[in-house]
Amino acid sequence: MTDTQMLVGSLSNDMFRVASLAQRGSHKAASRFLAEAQRWSKDLQGDEVADYIARLAADISKREVTDISLASAERYLMYGVLLQNYALHNT
């Protein structure tokens, strides 16, 4: 596993956590994982990845950690799926 795959996979896991916690109403915990996801996304922005992954990472980085709503949770869930597929199928 490359460092980039690990970053993408870690970002994916945090996006799933944020979406799940937001759906359950645990906004404080979701905000914490969103802050962690932003750390991964900033590290990922310097790596060579597909354009759509770079755009996802940039969007995650610029989000407010208080941006925890059901609409945002759906977006984060979609991001998690896209990132997971990229980590699993692009070597």
N, C-alpha and C. Protein backbone atom coordinates (compact mmCIF):
# COMPACT_ATOMS: atom_id res chain seq x y z
N MET A 1 0.85 -1.18 0.00
CA MET A 1 0.00 0.00 0.00
C MET A 1 0.89 1.24 0.00
N THR A 2 0.57 2.15 -0.88
CA THR A 2 1.35 3.38 -0.96
C THR A 2 0.85 4.41 0.07
N ASP A 3 1.64 5.42 0.29
CA ASP A 3 1.24 6.48 1.21
C ASP A 3 -0.03 7.19 0.73
N THR A 4 -0.12 7.39 -0.58
CA THR A 4 -1.31 8.04 -1.13
C THR A 4 -2.55 7.20 -0.90
N GLN A 5 -2.45 5.89 -1.11
CA GLN A 5 -3.59 5.02 -0.85
C GLN A 5 -3.99 5.07 0.62
N MET A 6 -3.01 5.13 1.50
CA MET A 6 -3.31 5.20 2.91
C MET A 6 -4.02 6.51 3.25
N LEU A 7 -3.56 7.62 2.67
CA LEU A 7 -4.21 8.91 2.90
C LEU A 7 -5.65 8.90 2.39
N VAL A 8 -5.85 8.38 1.19
CA VAL A 8 -7.19 8.33 0.61
C VAL A 8 -8.08 7.42 1.44
N GLY A 9 -7.57 6.28 1.86
CA GLY A 9 -8.34 5.36 2.69
C GLY A 9 -8.69 5.97 4.05
N SER A 10 -7.75 6.66 4.65
CA SER A 10 -8.01 7.31 5.94
C SER A 10 -9.05 8.41 5.80
N LEU A 11 -8.95 9.18 4.74
CA LEU A 11 -9.92 10.22 4.48
C LEU A 11 -11.31 9.62 4.26
N SER A 12 -11.35 8.52 3.53
CA SER A 12 -12.62 7.83 3.29
C SER A 12 -13.25 7.37 4.60
N ASN A 13 -12.46 6.75 5.46
CA ASN A 13 -12.98 6.28 6.75
C ASN A 13 -13.54 7.43 7.58
N ASP A 14 -12.83 8.55 7.61
CA ASP A 14 -13.31 9.69 8.38
C ASP A 14 -14.59 10.28 7.78
N MET A 15 -14.70 10.27 6.46
CA MET A 15 -15.93 10.76 5.83
C MET A 15 -17.12 9.88 6.21
N PHE A 16 -16.89 8.55 6.24
CA PHE A 16 -17.96 7.64 6.68
C PHE A 16 -18.34 7.91 8.13
N ARG A 17 -17.35 8.16 8.97
CA ARG A 17 -17.63 8.44 10.38
C ARG A 17 -18.42 9.74 10.55
N VAL A 18 -18.02 10.77 9.82
CA VAL A 18 -18.72 12.05 9.91
C VAL A 18 -20.18 11.87 9.48
N ALA A 19 -20.40 11.19 8.36
CA ALA A 19 -21.76 10.98 7.86
C ALA A 19 -22.60 10.20 8.87
N SER A 20 -22.03 9.14 9.42
CA SER A 20 -22.76 8.31 10.38
C SER A 20 -23.09 9.07 11.65
N LEU A 21 -22.12 9.79 12.18
CA LEU A 21 -22.34 10.53 13.42
C LEU A 21 -23.32 11.69 13.22
N ALA A 22 -23.24 12.34 12.08
CA ALA A 22 -24.17 13.43 11.80
C ALA A 22 -25.60 12.91 11.70
N GLN A 23 -25.75 11.76 11.07
CA GLN A 23 -27.08 11.16 10.94
C GLN A 23 -27.67 10.79 12.29
N ARG A 24 -26.81 10.39 13.22
CA ARG A 24 -27.26 10.02 14.56
C ARG A 24 -27.45 11.22 15.48
N GLY A 25 -27.03 12.40 15.02
CA GLY A 25 -27.20 13.59 15.83
C GLY A 25 -26.03 13.89 16.75
N SER A 26 -24.92 13.20 16.58
CA SER A 26 -23.72 13.43 17.40
C SER A 26 -22.84 14.47 16.72
N HIS A 27 -23.29 15.72 16.77
CA HIS A 27 -22.61 16.78 16.03
C HIS A 27 -21.21 17.08 16.55
N LYS A 28 -21.01 16.99 17.85
CA LYS A 28 -19.69 17.27 18.41
C LYS A 28 -18.67 16.24 17.92
N ALA A 29 -19.03 14.97 17.95
CA ALA A 29 -18.13 13.91 17.48
C ALA A 29 -17.92 14.02 15.97
N ALA A 30 -18.98 14.34 15.24
CA ALA A 30 -18.86 14.49 13.79
C ALA A 30 -17.91 15.63 13.44
N SER A 31 -18.00 16.72 14.19
CA SER A 31 -17.10 17.85 13.96
C SER A 31 -15.64 17.46 14.21
N ARG A 32 -15.42 16.64 15.21
CA ARG A 32 -14.06 16.18 15.52
C ARG A 32 -13.49 15.36 14.37
N PHE A 33 -14.30 14.45 13.82
CA PHE A 33 -13.82 13.63 12.71
C PHE A 33 -13.69 14.44 11.42
N LEU A 34 -14.53 15.48 11.26
CA LEU A 34 -14.37 16.34 10.10
C LEU A 34 -13.05 17.10 10.18
N ALA A 35 -12.68 17.54 11.37
CA ALA A 35 -11.39 18.22 11.55
C ALA A 35 -10.24 17.26 11.22
N GLU A 36 -10.37 16.01 11.63
CA GLU A 36 -9.35 15.01 11.31
C GLU A 36 -9.31 14.76 9.80
N ALA A 37 -10.48 14.70 9.16
CA ALA A 37 -10.54 14.50 7.70
C ALA A 37 -9.87 15.66 6.98
N GLN A 38 -10.01 16.86 7.51
CA GLN A 38 -9.36 18.01 6.88
C GLN A 38 -7.85 17.90 6.95
N ARG A 39 -7.35 17.31 8.01
CA ARG A 39 -5.90 17.10 8.11
C ARG A 39 -5.44 16.14 7.02
N TRP A 40 -6.19 15.04 6.82
CA TRP A 40 -5.84 14.09 5.76
C TRP A 40 -5.94 14.75 4.39
N SER A 41 -6.99 15.54 4.19
CA SER A 41 -7.20 16.13 2.87
C SER A 41 -6.10 17.14 2.52
N LYS A 42 -5.61 17.86 3.51
CA LYS A 42 -4.51 18.80 3.24
C LYS A 42 -3.24 18.05 2.86
N ASP A 43 -2.98 16.93 3.52
CA ASP A 43 -1.82 16.10 3.17
C ASP A 43 -1.97 15.53 1.77
N LEU A 44 -3.19 15.21 1.39
CA LEU A 44 -3.46 14.58 0.10
C LEU A 44 -3.34 15.56 -1.06
N GLN A 45 -3.55 16.83 -0.82
CA GLN A 45 -3.55 17.82 -1.90
C GLN A 45 -2.20 17.93 -2.61
N GLY A 46 -1.12 17.56 -1.96
CA GLY A 46 0.19 17.61 -2.60
C GLY A 46 0.53 16.37 -3.41
N ASP A 47 -0.28 15.32 -3.29
CA ASP A 47 0.00 14.06 -3.98
C ASP A 47 -0.63 14.06 -5.37
N GLU A 48 -0.09 13.19 -6.23
CA GLU A 48 -0.64 13.04 -7.57
C GLU A 48 -1.78 12.03 -7.51
N VAL A 49 -2.99 12.55 -7.65
CA VAL A 49 -4.19 11.73 -7.65
C VAL A 49 -5.06 12.19 -8.82
N ALA A 50 -6.12 11.45 -9.06
CA ALA A 50 -7.06 11.84 -10.12
C ALA A 50 -7.65 13.22 -9.80
N ASP A 51 -8.04 13.93 -10.84
CA ASP A 51 -8.56 15.29 -10.66
C ASP A 51 -9.75 15.33 -9.71
N TYR A 52 -10.66 14.35 -9.84
CA TYR A 52 -11.84 14.40 -8.99
C TYR A 52 -11.49 14.16 -7.52
N ILE A 53 -10.45 13.40 -7.24
CA ILE A 53 -10.02 13.19 -5.86
C ILE A 53 -9.40 14.48 -5.32
N ALA A 54 -8.64 15.16 -6.13
CA ALA A 54 -8.05 16.44 -5.72
C ALA A 54 -9.15 17.47 -5.42
N ARG A 55 -10.22 17.47 -6.24
CA ARG A 55 -11.33 18.39 -6.00
C ARG A 55 -12.07 18.05 -4.70
N LEU A 56 -12.25 16.75 -4.44
CA LEU A 56 -12.89 16.33 -3.18
C LEU A 56 -12.05 16.78 -1.99
N ALA A 57 -10.75 16.55 -2.08
CA ALA A 57 -9.86 16.93 -0.98
C ALA A 57 -9.90 18.44 -0.75
N ALA A 58 -9.93 19.21 -1.82
CA ALA A 58 -9.98 20.67 -1.69
C ALA A 58 -11.31 21.10 -1.06
N ASP A 59 -12.40 20.46 -1.45
CA ASP A 59 -13.71 20.80 -0.89
C ASP A 59 -13.77 20.46 0.60
N ILE A 60 -13.23 19.32 0.98
CA ILE A 60 -13.22 18.92 2.39
C ILE A 60 -12.38 19.91 3.20
N SER A 61 -11.26 20.32 2.66
CA SER A 61 -10.36 21.24 3.37
C SER A 61 -11.01 22.58 3.67
N LYS A 62 -11.85 23.05 2.77
CA LYS A 62 -12.42 24.39 2.95
C LYS A 62 -13.72 24.39 3.74
N ARG A 63 -14.24 23.24 4.09
CA ARG A 63 -15.48 23.17 4.88
C ARG A 63 -15.24 23.64 6.31
N GLU A 64 -16.27 24.22 6.89
CA GLU A 64 -16.22 24.58 8.31
C GLU A 64 -16.45 23.30 9.12
N VAL A 65 -15.74 23.15 10.23
CA VAL A 65 -15.92 21.93 11.04
C VAL A 65 -17.30 21.89 11.67
N THR A 66 -18.02 22.99 11.65
CA THR A 66 -19.38 23.01 12.17
C THR A 66 -20.41 22.71 11.09
N ASP A 67 -19.95 22.40 9.87
CA ASP A 67 -20.86 22.10 8.76
C ASP A 67 -21.35 20.66 8.88
N ILE A 68 -22.18 20.43 9.89
CA ILE A 68 -22.71 19.10 10.16
C ILE A 68 -24.23 19.18 10.06
N SER A 69 -24.76 18.81 8.92
CA SER A 69 -26.20 18.76 8.70
C SER A 69 -26.50 17.47 7.94
N LEU A 70 -27.77 17.15 7.80
CA LEU A 70 -28.10 15.94 7.05
C LEU A 70 -27.71 16.06 5.58
N ALA A 71 -27.85 17.25 5.02
CA ALA A 71 -27.44 17.46 3.63
C ALA A 71 -25.93 17.28 3.48
N SER A 72 -25.18 17.82 4.41
CA SER A 72 -23.73 17.65 4.39
C SER A 72 -23.36 16.19 4.63
N ALA A 73 -24.09 15.52 5.50
CA ALA A 73 -23.81 14.11 5.79
C ALA A 73 -23.96 13.27 4.53
N GLU A 74 -24.96 13.57 3.71
CA GLU A 74 -25.13 12.84 2.45
C GLU A 74 -23.95 13.08 1.52
N ARG A 75 -23.48 14.32 1.48
CA ARG A 75 -22.32 14.65 0.65
C ARG A 75 -21.08 13.89 1.15
N TYR A 76 -20.89 13.89 2.48
CA TYR A 76 -19.73 13.21 3.06
C TYR A 76 -19.79 11.71 2.83
N LEU A 77 -20.98 11.14 2.86
CA LEU A 77 -21.14 9.72 2.57
C LEU A 77 -20.74 9.42 1.13
N MET A 78 -21.19 10.26 0.20
CA MET A 78 -20.82 10.09 -1.20
C MET A 78 -19.30 10.22 -1.37
N TYR A 79 -18.70 11.21 -0.71
CA TYR A 79 -17.26 11.38 -0.77
C TYR A 79 -16.55 10.13 -0.25
N GLY A 80 -17.05 9.58 0.85
CA GLY A 80 -16.45 8.38 1.42
C GLY A 80 -16.45 7.22 0.44
N VAL A 81 -17.55 7.03 -0.27
CA VAL A 81 -17.65 5.95 -1.25
C VAL A 81 -16.67 6.17 -2.40
N LEU A 82 -16.64 7.39 -2.93
CA LEU A 82 -15.73 7.70 -4.04
C LEU A 82 -14.27 7.51 -3.63
N LEU A 83 -13.93 7.98 -2.45
CA LEU A 83 -12.56 7.84 -1.96
C LEU A 83 -12.20 6.39 -1.71
N GLN A 84 -13.11 5.63 -1.14
CA GLN A 84 -12.86 4.21 -0.88
C GLN A 84 -12.63 3.46 -2.20
N ASN A 85 -13.46 3.71 -3.19
CA ASN A 85 -13.29 3.05 -4.48
C ASN A 85 -11.95 3.40 -5.10
N TYR A 86 -11.56 4.66 -5.00
CA TYR A 86 -10.27 5.07 -5.55
C TYR A 86 -9.13 4.36 -4.82
N ALA A 87 -9.20 4.29 -3.50
CA ALA A 87 -8.13 3.65 -2.73
C ALA A 87 -8.02 2.15 -3.05
N LEU A 88 -9.15 1.52 -3.28
CA LEU A 88 -9.15 0.08 -3.53
C LEU A 88 -8.78 -0.30 -4.96
N HIS A 89 -9.12 0.55 -5.91
CA HIS A 89 -8.98 0.16 -7.32
C HIS A 89 -7.94 0.90 -8.11
N ASN A 90 -7.22 1.82 -7.50
CA ASN A 90 -6.16 2.55 -8.20
C ASN A 90 -4.85 2.36 -7.46
N THR A 91 -3.95 1.69 -8.09
CA THR A 91 -2.65 1.44 -7.47
C THR A 91 -1.56 2.19 -8.17
